[in-house]
Amino acid sequence: MTSTPPEPSWRKPVGILGLLAYLAVYALVVSRFADTLSALPQPVMVIAYLVAGLAWLLPLRPLFLWMNTGHWTQRGNTK
């Protein structure tokens, strides 16, 4: 009994292109604040860069869900 491999989804390539476009825009926006951030005291600057370095993930959660499930929000089991 042979099973056929699943059809590749078009959502992942489209999602990756969307991710790259979003990251390019996000990097441009964050880089506009580089002079302002560099003027801050070093401990505050480190925290600001850590926040900026992680903040891009939050808006992309729906995109990652869509790429994997085809839905923009998590459905059903929310454990």
Protein backbone atom coordinates (compact mmCIF):
# COMPACT_ATOMS: atom_id res chain seq x y z
CA MET A 1 0.00 0.00 0.00
CA THR A 2 1.62 3.21 -1.16
CA SER A 3 0.45 6.61 -0.13
CA THR A 4 0.92 9.69 -2.22
CA PRO A 5 2.84 12.54 -0.64
CA PRO A 6 0.75 15.55 0.35
CA GLU A 7 0.49 18.42 -2.09
CA PRO A 8 2.83 21.26 -1.17
CA SER A 9 1.03 24.30 0.14
CA TRP A 10 1.36 27.66 -1.62
CA ARG A 11 0.84 29.40 1.73
CA LYS A 12 4.41 28.90 2.95
CA PRO A 13 6.20 30.57 0.00
CA VAL A 14 3.69 33.44 0.04
CA GLY A 15 4.05 33.72 3.81
CA ILE A 16 7.83 33.80 3.57
CA LEU A 17 7.65 36.62 1.02
CA GLY A 18 5.30 38.50 3.34
CA LEU A 19 7.65 37.88 6.26
CA LEU A 20 10.64 39.22 4.32
CA ALA A 21 8.72 42.32 3.23
CA TYR A 22 7.53 42.95 6.80
CA LEU A 23 11.05 42.51 8.22
CA ALA A 24 12.51 44.92 5.67
CA VAL A 25 9.97 47.60 6.59
CA TYR A 26 10.40 46.88 10.32
CA ALA A 27 14.20 47.17 10.03
CA LEU A 28 13.86 50.52 8.25
CA VAL A 29 11.50 51.84 10.92
CA VAL A 30 13.72 50.69 13.79
CA SER A 31 16.86 52.05 12.10
CA ARG A 32 15.24 55.50 11.98
CA PHE A 33 15.41 55.49 15.80
CA ALA A 34 19.08 54.45 16.01
CA ASP A 35 20.35 57.96 16.77
CA THR A 36 17.74 58.45 19.47
CA LEU A 37 18.48 55.07 21.02
CA SER A 38 22.24 55.60 20.99
CA ALA A 39 21.79 58.78 23.06
CA LEU A 40 20.13 56.83 25.89
CA PRO A 41 22.07 55.55 28.91
CA GLN A 42 23.58 52.16 28.10
CA PRO A 43 21.31 49.99 30.32
CA VAL A 44 18.20 51.67 28.85
CA MET A 45 19.62 51.34 25.34
CA VAL A 46 20.21 47.60 25.82
CA ILE A 47 16.63 47.12 27.01
CA ALA A 48 15.29 49.19 24.09
CA TYR A 49 17.23 47.12 21.56
CA LEU A 50 16.07 43.88 23.20
CA VAL A 51 12.46 45.03 22.99
CA ALA A 52 12.90 46.15 19.37
CA GLY A 53 14.63 42.87 18.55
CA LEU A 54 11.72 40.80 19.85
CA ALA A 55 8.74 43.06 19.08
CA TRP A 56 8.63 42.07 15.40
CA LEU A 57 7.41 38.59 16.38
CA LEU A 58 4.10 39.64 17.94
CA PRO A 59 2.37 41.02 14.83
CA LEU A 60 3.51 38.01 12.79
CA ARG A 61 1.74 35.37 14.89
CA PRO A 62 -1.37 35.41 12.66
CA LEU A 63 0.84 35.05 9.57
CA PHE A 64 2.62 32.03 11.06
CA LEU A 65 -0.73 30.47 12.01
CA TRP A 66 -2.06 31.05 8.49
CA MET A 67 1.06 29.56 6.91
CA ASN A 68 0.65 26.36 8.93
CA THR A 69 -3.12 25.97 9.20
CA GLY A 70 -4.79 28.16 6.59
CA HIS A 71 -6.61 30.11 9.32
CA TRP A 72 -5.68 33.56 10.64
CA THR A 73 -6.67 32.72 14.20
CA GLN A 74 -6.23 29.63 16.31
CA ARG A 75 -9.38 27.56 16.28
CA GLY A 76 -10.68 24.86 18.54
CA ASN A 77 -8.26 23.59 21.12
CA THR A 78 -6.63 26.55 22.95
CA LYS A 79 -4.65 24.72 25.65
